[in-house]
Amino acid sequence: MISVKNLHVYYGLIEAVKGIDFEVKEGQIVSLIGSNGAGKSSTLKALLNSVKKTGDINFLGYDTHNHKTHTLVQHGLSLVPEGRKIFINLTVEENLRMGAFNNDENFDHLRDAMYELFPRIKDKRYQLAGTMSGGEQQMLAISRALMGEPKLLMLDEPSLGLAPKIVGEVFEIITRLRSEGITILLVEQNAFAALKISDYAYVLENGKIVMNGVASEMIGDDTIRKKYLGG
């Protein structure tokens, strides 16, 4: 579905991502794990052409180099950003409408599907998003991204700041989305939770991929356990 070759990301003179290669196949959950500052979030931003980068990115058979971010979203690439970035002064339903900016004719159907997926936000659909709990805001952020009917959904640290019970709910939803045909690229510091639901994973350190493999096998790897799983 998406193939990345020799990706470099720059912030001024700082090179945050240093020539990485990876791919996400259709129907998979693929995780990028690593410590804070490893280059995970920068990689996601590069896929949407929202940072300075070099390298080759092929999404659904075409080169993304000359496409603007909103065009990539229209083609089926969507991001749930770190920190959720919802519109706190808009209601839940208004946030969902913002997510459907390119799909307004299907708004009612998609909104109802989101309320079925996340009943908790349906109960608060006329409430200002900024007044909801962190878990509810994360559910809204995922719903807003899904309103564009993405083929590849990227999630940046979806467990950040959430209670363990809510983290479990969010990861169950991610697994359900994959079963419904949405391919997932997951960036997550909670390596154990990410590896448990992923098909494949890449480990980033200092902007480079230092390890990759089948996620279920990586859980048992001694190096992974010591550095990222607390084992």
Protein backbone atom coordinates (compact mmCIF):
# COMPACT_ATOMS: atom_id res chain seq x y z
CA MET A 1 0.00 0.00 0.00
CA ILE A 2 2.78 2.42 0.89
CA SER A 3 6.50 2.04 0.28
CA VAL A 4 9.17 4.38 1.62
CA LYS A 5 12.74 4.47 0.34
CA ASN A 6 15.70 6.46 1.69
CA LEU A 7 13.55 8.90 3.67
CA HIS A 8 15.33 11.86 5.27
CA VAL A 9 13.51 14.52 7.31
CA TYR A 10 15.02 17.88 8.20
CA TYR A 11 14.22 20.67 10.64
CA GLY A 12 16.61 23.40 9.57
CA LEU A 13 20.08 21.87 9.86
CA ILE A 14 18.87 19.04 12.08
CA GLU A 15 18.33 15.68 10.40
CA ALA A 16 15.55 13.92 12.32
CA VAL A 17 15.15 10.90 10.04
CA LYS A 18 18.24 9.46 8.38
CA GLY A 19 17.56 7.45 5.27
CA ILE A 20 15.01 4.85 6.36
CA ASP A 21 13.20 2.26 4.24
CA PHE A 22 9.93 0.58 5.19
CA GLU A 23 6.61 -0.56 3.80
CA VAL A 24 3.06 -1.14 4.93
CA LYS A 25 1.11 -3.82 3.10
CA GLU A 26 -2.63 -3.64 2.60
CA GLY A 27 -4.61 -5.04 5.51
CA GLN A 28 -1.76 -4.87 8.01
CA ILE A 29 -1.15 -3.07 11.26
CA VAL A 30 2.47 -1.93 11.18
CA SER A 31 4.09 -0.23 14.17
CA LEU A 32 6.98 2.19 14.43
CA ILE A 33 8.33 1.92 17.96
CA GLY A 34 11.19 3.63 19.73
CA SER A 35 12.01 6.15 22.40
CA ASN A 36 10.96 9.79 22.38
CA GLY A 37 12.86 11.73 19.70
CA ALA A 38 13.65 8.67 17.60
CA GLY A 39 11.99 10.15 14.50
CA LYS A 40 8.66 8.34 14.59
CA SER A 41 6.35 11.35 14.42
CA SER A 42 8.58 13.04 11.85
CA THR A 43 8.18 9.97 9.65
CA LEU A 44 4.38 10.25 9.72
CA LYS A 45 4.53 13.96 8.92
CA ALA A 46 6.80 13.20 5.98
CA LEU A 47 4.25 10.80 4.53
CA LEU A 48 1.80 13.71 4.39
CA ASN A 49 4.41 16.09 2.93
CA SER A 50 4.08 18.43 5.91
CA VAL A 51 7.83 18.62 6.71
CA LYS A 52 10.99 19.14 4.67
CA LYS A 53 12.11 15.76 3.38
CA THR A 54 13.89 13.84 0.66
CA GLY A 55 13.37 10.27 -0.50
CA ASP A 56 10.77 8.27 -2.40
CA ILE A 57 7.25 7.59 -1.11
CA ASN A 58 4.88 5.49 -3.19
CA PHE A 59 1.26 5.34 -2.01
CA LEU A 60 -1.22 3.14 -3.88
CA GLY A 61 1.04 3.09 -6.90
CA TYR A 62 1.83 6.77 -7.32
CA ASP A 63 4.66 9.04 -6.25
CA THR A 64 3.50 11.44 -3.53
CA HIS A 65 6.34 13.93 -4.00
CA ASN A 66 4.41 16.72 -5.70
CA HIS A 67 1.13 16.28 -3.84
CA LYS A 68 -0.05 18.69 -1.17
CA THR A 69 -1.25 17.35 2.17
CA HIS A 70 -4.96 17.86 1.46
CA THR A 71 -4.59 15.99 -1.84
CA LEU A 72 -3.02 13.02 -0.07
CA VAL A 73 -5.92 13.04 2.39
CA GLN A 74 -8.33 12.98 -0.55
CA HIS A 75 -6.46 9.96 -1.92
CA GLY A 76 -6.96 8.05 1.33
CA LEU A 77 -4.08 8.93 3.67
CA SER A 78 -5.15 10.20 7.09
CA LEU A 79 -3.39 11.05 10.36
CA VAL A 80 -4.56 11.08 13.97
CA PRO A 81 -1.90 13.43 15.36
CA GLU A 82 -0.08 13.22 18.66
CA GLY A 83 -2.00 15.15 21.29
CA ARG A 84 -5.24 14.64 19.34
CA LYS A 85 -5.42 18.23 18.00
CA ILE A 86 -9.21 18.32 18.03
CA PHE A 87 -11.07 21.62 17.71
CA ILE A 88 -11.78 22.24 21.38
CA ASN A 89 -14.21 25.12 20.79
CA LEU A 90 -16.38 23.11 18.40
CA THR A 91 -18.88 20.43 19.32
CA VAL A 92 -18.25 16.75 18.72
CA GLU A 93 -20.48 16.78 15.66
CA GLU A 94 -18.82 19.91 14.28
CA ASN A 95 -15.44 18.20 14.64
CA LEU A 96 -16.75 15.26 12.66
CA ARG A 97 -17.99 17.58 9.94
CA MET A 98 -14.50 19.09 9.70
CA GLY A 99 -13.17 15.58 9.12
CA ALA A 100 -15.63 15.11 6.26
CA PHE A 101 -14.55 18.28 4.43
CA ASN A 102 -13.99 16.25 1.27
CA ASN A 103 -16.86 13.84 1.81
CA ASP A 104 -19.79 16.00 2.85
CA GLU A 105 -22.36 14.10 0.78
CA ASN A 106 -21.75 11.03 2.96
CA PHE A 107 -21.68 12.93 6.25
CA ASP A 108 -24.84 11.51 7.83
CA HIS A 109 -23.91 7.91 7.05
CA LEU A 110 -20.32 8.31 8.25
CA ARG A 111 -21.34 10.20 11.39
CA ASP A 112 -23.75 7.42 12.35
CA ALA A 113 -21.01 4.84 11.75
CA MET A 114 -18.70 6.76 14.09
CA TYR A 115 -21.38 6.93 16.76
CA GLU A 116 -21.81 3.16 16.47
CA LEU A 117 -18.06 2.66 16.78
CA PHE A 118 -17.75 5.11 19.68
CA PRO A 119 -21.09 5.26 21.56
CA ARG A 120 -19.50 7.45 24.21
CA ILE A 121 -19.06 10.37 21.83
CA LYS A 122 -22.59 9.97 20.48
CA ASP A 123 -23.90 10.76 23.95
CA LYS A 124 -21.89 14.00 23.87
CA ARG A 125 -22.37 14.97 20.23
CA TYR A 126 -23.55 18.51 21.06
CA GLN A 127 -20.92 19.06 23.77
CA LEU A 128 -17.82 21.19 23.20
CA ALA A 129 -14.94 18.84 22.47
CA GLY A 130 -12.61 20.62 24.87
CA THR A 131 -14.80 19.69 27.83
CA MET A 132 -14.51 15.94 27.29
CA SER A 133 -12.08 13.54 28.95
CA GLY A 134 -8.77 12.63 27.31
CA GLY A 135 -10.06 9.23 26.28
CA GLU A 136 -13.18 10.71 24.71
CA GLN A 137 -11.08 13.27 22.87
CA GLN A 138 -8.90 10.50 21.46
CA MET A 139 -11.99 8.64 20.28
CA LEU A 140 -13.16 11.84 18.61
CA ALA A 141 -9.77 12.38 16.96
CA ILE A 142 -9.88 8.87 15.50
CA SER A 143 -13.48 9.37 14.37
CA ARG A 144 -12.64 12.67 12.71
CA ALA A 145 -9.84 11.00 10.73
CA LEU A 146 -12.15 8.16 9.71
CA MET A 147 -14.72 10.60 8.32
CA GLY A 148 -12.50 10.92 5.26
CA GLU A 149 -12.79 7.16 4.63
CA PRO A 150 -9.01 6.59 4.61
CA LYS A 151 -7.33 3.59 3.05
CA LEU A 152 -4.31 4.06 5.33
CA LEU A 153 -4.87 5.43 8.83
CA MET A 154 -1.82 6.70 10.70
CA LEU A 155 -2.01 7.08 14.47
CA ASP A 156 0.62 9.03 16.39
CA GLU A 157 0.87 8.00 20.06
CA PRO A 158 -2.83 7.17 20.56
CA SER A 159 -2.24 5.95 24.13
CA LEU A 160 -0.49 9.13 25.28
CA GLY A 161 -1.90 10.44 28.56
CA LEU A 162 -4.71 7.89 28.76
CA ALA A 163 -5.68 5.63 31.66
CA PRO A 164 -4.81 1.94 31.14
CA LYS A 165 -8.46 0.93 30.74
CA ILE A 166 -8.99 3.54 28.01
CA VAL A 167 -5.75 2.48 26.29
CA GLY A 168 -7.18 -1.02 26.07
CA GLU A 169 -10.39 0.30 24.51
CA VAL A 170 -8.49 2.36 21.95
CA PHE A 171 -6.32 -0.58 20.91
CA GLU A 172 -9.38 -2.80 20.59
CA ILE A 173 -10.84 -0.22 18.21
CA ILE A 174 -7.62 -0.15 16.17
CA THR A 175 -7.80 -3.94 15.81
CA ARG A 176 -11.45 -3.70 14.77
CA LEU A 177 -10.62 -1.10 12.12
CA ARG A 178 -8.08 -3.46 10.59
CA SER A 179 -10.71 -6.22 10.49
CA GLU A 180 -12.97 -3.81 8.60
CA GLY A 181 -10.37 -3.29 5.89
CA ILE A 182 -8.45 -0.22 7.03
CA THR A 183 -4.67 -0.50 6.92
CA ILE A 184 -2.95 0.97 9.99
CA LEU A 185 0.44 2.60 10.56
CA LEU A 186 0.89 3.02 14.30
CA VAL A 187 3.48 5.14 16.11
CA GLU A 188 3.57 4.25 19.78
CA GLN A 189 5.90 4.48 22.78
CA ASN A 190 3.90 1.75 24.53
CA ALA A 191 5.82 -0.88 22.61
CA PHE A 192 4.20 -3.91 24.23
CA ALA A 193 0.66 -2.74 23.46
CA ALA A 194 1.66 -1.88 19.89
CA LEU A 195 3.43 -5.17 19.21
CA LYS A 196 0.51 -7.19 20.61
CA ILE A 197 -1.85 -5.94 17.89
CA SER A 198 0.62 -5.46 15.02
CA ASP A 199 1.57 -7.72 12.15
CA TYR A 200 4.98 -6.16 11.60
CA ALA A 201 7.12 -3.58 13.37
CA TYR A 202 10.13 -1.33 12.86
CA VAL A 203 12.32 0.00 15.68
CA LEU A 204 13.69 3.53 15.28
CA GLU A 205 16.68 4.92 17.16
CA ASN A 206 18.15 8.35 16.45
CA GLY A 207 16.39 8.59 13.11
CA LYS A 208 17.43 5.16 11.83
CA ILE A 209 15.71 1.78 11.68
CA VAL A 210 17.80 -0.56 13.82
CA MET A 211 15.52 -3.58 13.84
CA ASN A 212 12.41 -4.87 12.09
CA GLY A 213 10.42 -8.06 11.99
CA VAL A 214 7.18 -9.90 12.66
CA ALA A 215 5.64 -8.23 15.69
CA SER A 216 4.73 -11.43 17.55
CA GLU A 217 8.35 -12.56 17.31
CA MET A 218 9.75 -9.21 18.40
CA ILE A 219 7.85 -9.39 21.69
CA GLY A 220 10.06 -12.31 22.66
CA ASP A 221 13.32 -10.75 21.45
CA ASP A 222 15.70 -10.14 24.37
CA THR A 223 16.95 -6.81 23.01
CA ILE A 224 13.42 -5.50 22.48
CA ARG A 225 12.31 -6.69 25.90
CA LYS A 226 15.20 -5.03 27.70
CA LYS A 227 15.10 -1.70 25.85
CA TYR A 228 11.39 -1.18 25.20
CA LEU A 229 9.31 -3.64 27.20
CA GLY A 230 10.92 -3.26 30.61
CA GLY A 231 11.93 -6.91 30.71
